[in-house]
PDB file of N, CA and C in Angstrom:
ATOM      1  N   MET A   1       0.855  -1.174   0.000  1.00  0.00           N
ATOM      2  CA  MET A   1       0.000   0.000   0.000  1.00  0.00           C
ATOM      3  C   MET A   1       0.892   1.225   0.000  1.00  0.00           C
ATOM      4  N   SER A   2       0.613   2.128  -0.885  1.00  0.00           N
ATOM      5  CA  SER A   2       1.430   3.329  -0.962  1.00  0.00           C
ATOM      6  C   SER A   2       0.540   4.545  -0.850  1.00  0.00           C
ATOM      7  N   GLY A   3       1.163   5.654  -0.656  1.00  0.00           N
ATOM      8  CA  GLY A   3       0.419   6.901  -0.556  1.00  0.00           C
ATOM      9  C   GLY A   3       0.769   7.632   0.714  1.00  0.00           C
ATOM     10  N   ASN A   4       0.411   8.904   0.746  1.00  0.00           N
ATOM     11  CA  ASN A   4       0.662   9.738   1.904  1.00  0.00           C
ATOM     12  C   ASN A   4      -0.581   9.733   2.779  1.00  0.00           C
ATOM     13  N   TRP A   5      -0.478   9.142   3.962  1.00  0.00           N
ATOM     14  CA  TRP A   5      -1.629   9.015   4.853  1.00  0.00           C
ATOM     15  C   TRP A   5      -1.643  10.074   5.938  1.00  0.00           C
ATOM     16  N   MET A   6      -0.688  10.996   5.958  1.00  0.00           N
ATOM     17  CA  MET A   6      -0.667  12.031   6.978  1.00  0.00           C
ATOM     18  C   MET A   6      -1.815  12.998   6.720  1.00  0.00           C
ATOM     19  N   LEU A   7      -2.700  13.108   7.667  1.00  0.00           N
ATOM     20  CA  LEU A   7      -3.876  13.941   7.495  1.00  0.00           C
ATOM     21  C   LEU A   7      -3.792  15.252   8.249  1.00  0.00           C
ATOM     22  N   THR A   8      -2.731  15.434   8.995  1.00  0.00           N
ATOM     23  CA  THR A   8      -2.545  16.666   9.749  1.00  0.00           C
ATOM     24  C   THR A   8      -1.061  17.024   9.717  1.00  0.00           C
ATOM     25  N   THR A   9      -0.751  18.214  10.138  1.00  0.00           N
ATOM     26  CA  THR A   9       0.650  18.657  10.124  1.00  0.00           C
ATOM     27  C   THR A   9       1.285  18.437  11.489  1.00  0.00           C
ATOM     28  N   LEU A  10       2.604  18.394  11.491  1.00  0.00           N
ATOM     29  CA  LEU A  10       3.315  18.289  12.769  1.00  0.00           C
ATOM     30  C   LEU A  10       3.044  19.500  13.641  1.00  0.00           C
ATOM     31  N   GLU A  11       2.858  20.652  13.007  1.00  0.00           N
ATOM     32  CA  GLU A  11       2.559  21.861  13.767  1.00  0.00           C
ATOM     33  C   GLU A  11       1.210  21.732  14.486  1.00  0.00           C
ATOM     34  N   GLU A  12       0.236  21.159  13.791  1.00  0.00           N
ATOM     35  CA  GLU A  12      -1.075  20.979  14.413  1.00  0.00           C
ATOM     36  C   GLU A  12      -0.988  19.993  15.579  1.00  0.00           C
ATOM     37  N   ILE A  13      -0.211  18.930  15.397  1.00  0.00           N
ATOM     38  CA  ILE A  13      -0.023  17.952  16.476  1.00  0.00           C
ATOM     39  C   ILE A  13       0.657  18.620  17.660  1.00  0.00           C
ATOM     40  N   ALA A  14       1.671  19.416  17.396  1.00  0.00           N
ATOM     41  CA  ALA A  14       2.363  20.132  18.471  1.00  0.00           C
ATOM     42  C   ALA A  14       1.408  21.090  19.167  1.00  0.00           C
ATOM     43  N   GLY A  15       0.524  21.710  18.400  1.00  0.00           N
ATOM     44  CA  GLY A  15      -0.456  22.630  18.976  1.00  0.00           C
ATOM     45  C   GLY A  15      -1.429  21.953  19.917  1.00  0.00           C
ATOM     46  N   HIS A  16      -1.586  20.640  19.755  1.00  0.00           N
ATOM     47  CA  HIS A  16      -2.450  19.860  20.648  1.00  0.00           C
ATOM     48  C   HIS A  16      -1.634  19.153  21.719  1.00  0.00           C
ATOM     49  N   GLY A  17      -0.402  19.652  21.959  1.00  0.00           N
ATOM     50  CA  GLY A  17       0.447  19.077  23.003  1.00  0.00           C
ATOM     51  C   GLY A  17       0.921  17.672  22.672  1.00  0.00           C
ATOM     52  N   HIS A  18       1.051  17.367  21.384  1.00  0.00           N
ATOM     53  CA  HIS A  18       1.495  16.059  20.899  1.00  0.00           C
ATOM     54  C   HIS A  18       0.555  14.929  21.297  1.00  0.00           C
ATOM     55  N   VAL A  19      -0.692  15.260  21.563  1.00  0.00           N
ATOM     56  CA  VAL A  19      -1.715  14.257  21.845  1.00  0.00           C
ATOM     57  C   VAL A  19      -2.239  13.746  20.508  1.00  0.00           C
ATOM     58  N   LEU A  20      -2.260  12.422  20.357  1.00  0.00           N
ATOM     59  CA  LEU A  20      -2.639  11.836  19.081  1.00  0.00           C
ATOM     60  C   LEU A  20      -4.052  11.247  19.080  1.00  0.00           C
ATOM     61  N   THR A  21      -4.875  11.653  20.001  1.00  0.00           N
ATOM     62  CA  THR A  21      -6.258  11.201  20.035  1.00  0.00           C
ATOM     63  C   THR A  21      -6.951  11.651  18.755  1.00  0.00           C
ATOM     64  N   PRO A  22      -7.512  10.713  17.982  1.00  0.00           N
ATOM     65  CA  PRO A  22      -8.102  11.073  16.687  1.00  0.00           C
ATOM     66  C   PRO A  22      -9.172  12.161  16.770  1.00  0.00           C
ATOM     67  N   GLY A  23      -9.930  12.183  17.828  1.00  0.00           N
ATOM     68  CA  GLY A  23     -10.996  13.175  17.953  1.00  0.00           C
ATOM     69  C   GLY A  23     -10.523  14.611  17.883  1.00  0.00           C
ATOM     70  N   ARG A  24      -9.268  14.819  18.179  1.00  0.00           N
ATOM     71  CA  ARG A  24      -8.723  16.178  18.096  1.00  0.00           C
ATOM     72  C   ARG A  24      -8.520  16.623  16.658  1.00  0.00           C
ATOM     73  N   TYR A  25      -8.471  15.665  15.738  1.00  0.00           N
ATOM     74  CA  TYR A  25      -8.130  15.979  14.359  1.00  0.00           C
ATOM     75  C   TYR A  25      -9.248  15.659  13.369  1.00  0.00           C
ATOM     76  N   VAL A  26     -10.234  14.898  13.810  1.00  0.00           N
ATOM     77  CA  VAL A  26     -11.326  14.498  12.930  1.00  0.00           C
ATOM     78  C   VAL A  26     -12.609  15.106  13.479  1.00  0.00           C
ATOM     79  N   GLY A  27     -13.226  15.933  12.698  1.00  0.00           N
ATOM     80  CA  GLY A  27     -14.451  16.572  13.155  1.00  0.00           C
ATOM     81  C   GLY A  27     -15.681  15.787  12.743  1.00  0.00           C
ATOM     82  N   ALA A  28     -16.775  16.061  13.390  1.00  0.00           N
ATOM     83  CA  ALA A  28     -18.055  15.463  13.021  1.00  0.00           C
ATOM     84  C   ALA A  28     -18.745  16.382  12.022  1.00  0.00           C
ATOM     85  N   ALA A  29     -19.447  15.772  11.112  1.00  0.00           N
ATOM     86  CA  ALA A  29     -20.171  16.560  10.116  1.00  0.00           C
ATOM     87  C   ALA A  29     -21.313  17.314  10.786  1.00  0.00           C
ATOM     88  N   ASP A  30     -21.559  18.521  10.316  1.00  0.00           N
ATOM     89  CA  ASP A  30     -22.671  19.293  10.836  1.00  0.00           C
ATOM     90  C   ASP A  30     -23.975  18.601  10.460  1.00  0.00           C
ATOM     91  N   VAL A  31     -24.884  18.544  11.427  1.00  0.00           N
ATOM     92  CA  VAL A  31     -26.186  17.932  11.187  1.00  0.00           C
ATOM     93  C   VAL A  31     -27.214  19.048  11.133  1.00  0.00           C
ATOM     94  N   GLU A  32     -27.973  19.053  10.070  1.00  0.00           N
ATOM     95  CA  GLU A  32     -28.984  20.085   9.907  1.00  0.00           C
ATOM     96  C   GLU A  32     -30.171  19.774  10.811  1.00  0.00           C
ATOM     97  N   HIS A  33     -30.615  20.750  11.567  1.00  0.00           N
ATOM     98  CA  HIS A  33     -31.758  20.580  12.454  1.00  0.00           C
ATOM     99  C   HIS A  33     -33.016  20.482  11.599  1.00  0.00           C
ATOM    100  N   ASP A  34     -33.839  19.488  11.896  1.00  0.00           N
ATOM    101  CA  ASP A  34     -35.027  19.261  11.084  1.00  0.00           C
ATOM    102  C   ASP A  34     -36.236  20.066  11.556  1.00  0.00           C
ATOM    103  N   GLY A  35     -36.078  20.831  12.622  1.00  0.00           N
ATOM    104  CA  GLY A  35     -37.162  21.678  13.098  1.00  0.00           C
ATOM    105  C   GLY A  35     -38.107  20.988  14.060  1.00  0.00           C
ATOM    106  N   GLU A  36     -37.994  19.658  14.206  1.00  0.00           N
ATOM    107  CA  GLU A  36     -38.875  18.943  15.133  1.00  0.00           C
ATOM    108  C   GLU A  36     -38.319  19.082  16.542  1.00  0.00           C
ATOM    109  N   PRO A  37     -39.130  19.577  17.483  1.00  0.00           N
ATOM    110  CA  PRO A  37     -38.650  19.724  18.857  1.00  0.00           C
ATOM    111  C   PRO A  37     -38.163  18.382  19.413  1.00  0.00           C
ATOM    112  N   PHE A  38     -37.121  18.438  20.214  1.00  0.00           N
ATOM    113  CA  PHE A  38     -36.506  17.229  20.752  1.00  0.00           C
ATOM    114  C   PHE A  38     -37.514  16.339  21.455  1.00  0.00           C
ATOM    115  N   GLU A  39     -38.325  16.914  22.348  1.00  0.00           N
ATOM    116  CA  GLU A  39     -39.288  16.101  23.101  1.00  0.00           C
ATOM    117  C   GLU A  39     -40.276  15.408  22.169  1.00  0.00           C
ATOM    118  N   ASP A  40     -40.729  16.103  21.137  1.00  0.00           N
ATOM    119  CA  ASP A  40     -41.654  15.504  20.168  1.00  0.00           C
ATOM    120  C   ASP A  40     -40.966  14.378  19.400  1.00  0.00           C
ATOM    121  N   LYS A  41     -39.721  14.627  18.989  1.00  0.00           N
ATOM    122  CA  LYS A  41     -38.984  13.615  18.231  1.00  0.00           C
ATOM    123  C   LYS A  41     -38.748  12.366  19.076  1.00  0.00           C
ATOM    124  N   MET A  42     -38.360  12.575  20.329  1.00  0.00           N
ATOM    125  CA  MET A  42     -38.117  11.417  21.200  1.00  0.00           C
ATOM    126  C   MET A  42     -39.404  10.637  21.442  1.00  0.00           C
ATOM    127  N   ALA A  43     -40.515  11.325  21.621  1.00  0.00           N
ATOM    128  CA  ALA A  43     -41.794  10.638  21.822  1.00  0.00           C
ATOM    129  C   ALA A  43     -42.156   9.834  20.570  1.00  0.00           C
ATOM    130  N   ARG A  44     -41.992  10.429  19.403  1.00  0.00           N
ATOM    131  CA  ARG A  44     -42.304   9.747  18.147  1.00  0.00           C
ATOM    132  C   ARG A  44     -41.397   8.547  17.929  1.00  0.00           C
ATOM    133  N   LEU A  45     -40.093   8.749  18.110  1.00  0.00           N
ATOM    134  CA  LEU A  45     -39.154   7.659  17.900  1.00  0.00           C
ATOM    135  C   LEU A  45     -39.336   6.542  18.928  1.00  0.00           C
ATOM    136  N   SER A  46     -39.657   6.898  20.158  1.00  0.00           N
ATOM    137  CA  SER A  46     -39.905   5.885  21.190  1.00  0.00           C
ATOM    138  C   SER A  46     -41.139   5.064  20.849  1.00  0.00           C
ATOM    139  N   ALA A  47     -42.167   5.725  20.334  1.00  0.00           N
ATOM    140  CA  ALA A  47     -43.380   5.012  19.929  1.00  0.00           C
ATOM    141  C   ALA A  47     -43.082   4.079  18.763  1.00  0.00           C
ATOM    142  N   GLU A  48     -42.298   4.553  17.792  1.00  0.00           N
ATOM    143  CA  GLU A  48     -41.916   3.704  16.657  1.00  0.00           C
ATOM    144  C   GLU A  48     -41.116   2.499  17.130  1.00  0.00           C
ATOM    145  N   LEU A  49     -40.191   2.723  18.042  1.00  0.00           N
ATOM    146  CA  LEU A  49     -39.379   1.631  18.560  1.00  0.00           C
ATOM    147  C   LEU A  49     -40.251   0.629  19.307  1.00  0.00           C
ATOM    148  N   GLY A  50     -41.210   1.119  20.094  1.00  0.00           N
ATOM    149  CA  GLY A  50     -42.128   0.227  20.798  1.00  0.00           C
ATOM    150  C   GLY A  50     -42.914  -0.641  19.829  1.00  0.00           C
ATOM    151  N   ALA A  51     -43.381  -0.050  18.735  1.00  0.00           N
ATOM    152  CA  ALA A  51     -44.120  -0.802  17.715  1.00  0.00           C
ATOM    153  C   ALA A  51     -43.207  -1.834  17.055  1.00  0.00           C
ATOM    154  N   GLN A  52     -41.959  -1.474  16.818  1.00  0.00           N
ATOM    155  CA  GLN A  52     -41.019  -2.416  16.213  1.00  0.00           C
ATOM    156  C   GLN A  52     -40.697  -3.566  17.163  1.00  0.00           C
ATOM    157  N   PHE A  53     -40.575  -3.270  18.458  1.00  0.00           N
ATOM    158  CA  PHE A  53     -40.359  -4.331  19.438  1.00  0.00           C
ATOM    159  C   PHE A  53     -41.560  -5.275  19.471  1.00  0.00           C
ATOM    160  N   ALA A  54     -42.766  -4.719  19.439  1.00  0.00           N
ATOM    161  CA  ALA A  54     -43.974  -5.542  19.447  1.00  0.00           C
ATOM    162  C   ALA A  54     -44.017  -6.442  18.221  1.00  0.00           C
ATOM    163  N   GLU A  55     -43.692  -5.904  17.054  1.00  0.00           N
ATOM    164  CA  GLU A  55     -43.666  -6.699  15.823  1.00  0.00           C
ATOM    165  C   GLU A  55     -42.594  -7.774  15.904  1.00  0.00           C
ATOM    166  N   SER A  56     -41.462  -7.444  16.473  1.00  0.00           N
ATOM    167  CA  SER A  56     -40.383  -8.415  16.657  1.00  0.00           C
ATOM    168  C   SER A  56     -40.857  -9.570  17.535  1.00  0.00           C
ATOM    169  N   ALA A  57     -41.539  -9.270  18.625  1.00  0.00           N
ATOM    170  CA  ALA A  57     -42.047 -10.309  19.525  1.00  0.00           C
ATOM    171  C   ALA A  57     -43.088 -11.175  18.814  1.00  0.00           C
ATOM    172  N   ARG A  58     -43.952 -10.544  18.030  1.00  0.00           N
ATOM    173  CA  ARG A  58     -44.976 -11.285  17.290  1.00  0.00           C
ATOM    174  C   ARG A  58     -44.328 -12.255  16.303  1.00  0.00           C
ATOM    175  N   LEU A  59     -43.340 -11.772  15.560  1.00  0.00           N
ATOM    176  CA  LEU A  59     -42.655 -12.618  14.590  1.00  0.00           C
ATOM    177  C   LEU A  59     -41.859 -13.730  15.275  1.00  0.00           C
ATOM    178  N   GLU A  60     -41.243 -13.416  16.392  1.00  0.00           N
ATOM    179  CA  GLU A  60     -40.500 -14.431  17.137  1.00  0.00           C
ATOM    180  C   GLU A  60     -41.431 -15.545  17.589  1.00  0.00           C
ATOM    181  N   ALA A  61     -42.623 -15.193  18.071  1.00  0.00           N
ATOM    182  CA  ALA A  61     -43.584 -16.200  18.506  1.00  0.00           C
ATOM    183  C   ALA A  61     -43.996 -17.109  17.341  1.00  0.00           C
ATOM    184  N   ILE A  62     -44.210 -16.537  16.171  1.00  0.00           N
ATOM    185  CA  ILE A  62     -44.571 -17.326  14.985  1.00  0.00           C
ATOM    186  C   ILE A  62     -43.433 -18.276  14.611  1.00  0.00           C
ATOM    187  N   ILE A  63     -42.216 -17.778  14.608  1.00  0.00           N
ATOM    188  CA  ILE A  63     -41.060 -18.602  14.252  1.00  0.00           C
ATOM    189  C   ILE A  63     -40.889 -19.740  15.254  1.00  0.00           C
ATOM    190  N   ARG A  64     -40.998 -19.413  16.540  1.00  0.00           N
ATOM    191  CA  ARG A  64     -40.845 -20.450  17.563  1.00  0.00           C
ATOM    192  C   ARG A  64     -41.933 -21.520  17.427  1.00  0.00           C
ATOM    193  N   GLU A  65     -43.164 -21.105  17.134  1.00  0.00           N
ATOM    194  CA  GLU A  65     -44.257 -22.064  16.940  1.00  0.00           C
ATOM    195  C   GLU A  65     -43.992 -22.940  15.721  1.00  0.00           C
ATOM    196  N   ASN A  66     -43.529 -22.352  14.640  1.00  0.00           N
ATOM    197  CA  ASN A  66     -43.204 -23.135  13.443  1.00  0.00           C
ATOM    198  C   ASN A  66     -42.083 -24.130  13.727  1.00  0.00           C
ATOM    199  N   LEU A  67     -41.076 -23.708  14.452  1.00  0.00           N
ATOM    200  CA  LEU A  67     -39.990 -24.615  14.821  1.00  0.00           C
ATOM    201  C   LEU A  67     -40.506 -25.740  15.724  1.00  0.00           C
ATOM    202  N   ARG A  68     -41.378 -25.387  16.664  1.00  0.00           N
ATOM    203  CA  ARG A  68     -41.945 -26.408  17.566  1.00  0.00           C
ATOM    204  C   ARG A  68     -42.711 -27.446  16.764  1.00  0.00           C
ATOM    205  N   ARG A  69     -43.506 -26.995  15.790  1.00  0.00           N
ATOM    206  CA  ARG A  69     -44.276 -27.923  14.951  1.00  0.00           C
ATOM    207  C   ARG A  69     -43.373 -28.841  14.139  1.00  0.00           C
ATOM    208  N   LEU A  70     -42.184 -28.343  13.813  1.00  0.00           N
ATOM    209  CA  LEU A  70     -41.219 -29.159  13.077  1.00  0.00           C
ATOM    210  C   LEU A  70     -40.378 -30.038  13.985  1.00  0.00           C
ATOM    211  N   GLY A  71     -40.580 -29.902  15.281  1.00  0.00           N
ATOM    212  CA  GLY A  71     -39.841 -30.728  16.248  1.00  0.00           C
ATOM    213  C   GLY A  71     -38.557 -30.113  16.749  1.00  0.00           C
ATOM    214  N   TYR A  72     -38.394 -28.828  16.553  1.00  0.00           N
ATOM    215  CA  TYR A  72     -37.178 -28.134  17.010  1.00  0.00           C
ATOM    216  C   TYR A  72     -37.557 -27.102  18.058  1.00  0.00           C
ATOM    217  N   GLU A  73     -37.472 -27.520  19.309  1.00  0.00           N
ATOM    218  CA  GLU A  73     -37.847 -26.574  20.366  1.00  0.00           C
ATOM    219  C   GLU A  73     -36.643 -25.947  20.992  1.00  0.00           C
TER     220      GLU A  73
END
């Protein structure tokens, strides 16, 4: 494998006290706010997750019953 993999300068590393923790050099992308209030979003997402858990349990019960009928408990 060839190529220059240095993503920062020695000066920048020195400016961070020679700490090589990646988080000091790699930023997170800006996330655009969607305008939905946090509490509303959490309530909506929690409800969706609850519905997905319920569906998961329903499907698991069907699979387990099918396996039981086939003799695999």
